[in-house]
Amino acid sequence: MTVEQKNRWWIFSHGRYSQQLVRESVKNLERIYQAEGYSSVKIAPQVNNHGGDIGVTFRVDEGPRDTVESLRVEGNETRPISQLAPSGLKVVEGQAYSQKRVDDDRSMILANYLTSGYLNASFRATAAPVDKHHPHELVVVYHITEGPQVRIARVQTLGLRHTKQMVINRAVPMRTEQPLREDQMLIGENELYNVGIFDWSEIDPQWKEANIFPIIPESALRATLGILERTVKRRG
């Protein structure tokens, strides 16, 4: 198999051949180029059969490369970009622009908001040419809507009869005034079950079924953890 790009060639090792593999290879190569800013790349496969020996050549027409002329981040009123993207953004002025890089930035920024208690944070990106004469030089804007920060007003344990509260406190790393984090709630639920003395432990089912966390005016939620103790196997 050979990949031809302008005056350069890449030769790959022998392997299986089928039309489906050729089509998948074209899509994979396109994704690689698109991730590096070549949004209009075209790849044409050419198959040659020499007495049963199949040779496949992929001819690549890169096309122009999309680059970032400028990048602006709006709406991050409480968190600087250095906190939202500690290792730096993928979309950088003067470098390639691609949807994959935008998606990577979106995932990183929203993950940092979620771990800081901003459960309703949203992200939207726009990209437009500088002008009609430079269609591949893009002005990129990240629009962020933070929403309110949610903090824990109270953590209440229901259903305890024999187990000491300190057992629950060790397993559930949630304290009042801390930002409410969905990942910590799920970890706490799992850790309580792993203690081995409860039939079940879960976050309020209404929250889980809705797949959202309700926001109340004071930006504080009552985290409720329901616990049913095992009657056969108990530990004091």
Foldseek 3Di string as FASTA:
>chain_A
DWEDEPPDIDDDDDDDDDPVVVVVVQVVVQVVLQVQFQPPKDWDWDWDQDPNDIDIYIYIDSPDGAAEQEEEEPAPPPDDVCQLCVPDQQHDHPGGDHVVSVVVSQVSNVVSLQQQQQQPKDKDKDWAAPDPVGRRHIHIYIYIHRHDGAWAQEEDEPADDPDDVVVLCVLQVHDGRGTDHPVSQVSSQVSVVVVPFFPGKHWDVVCVVVVGDDADPVSHDHTYMYTHTDPPDDDD
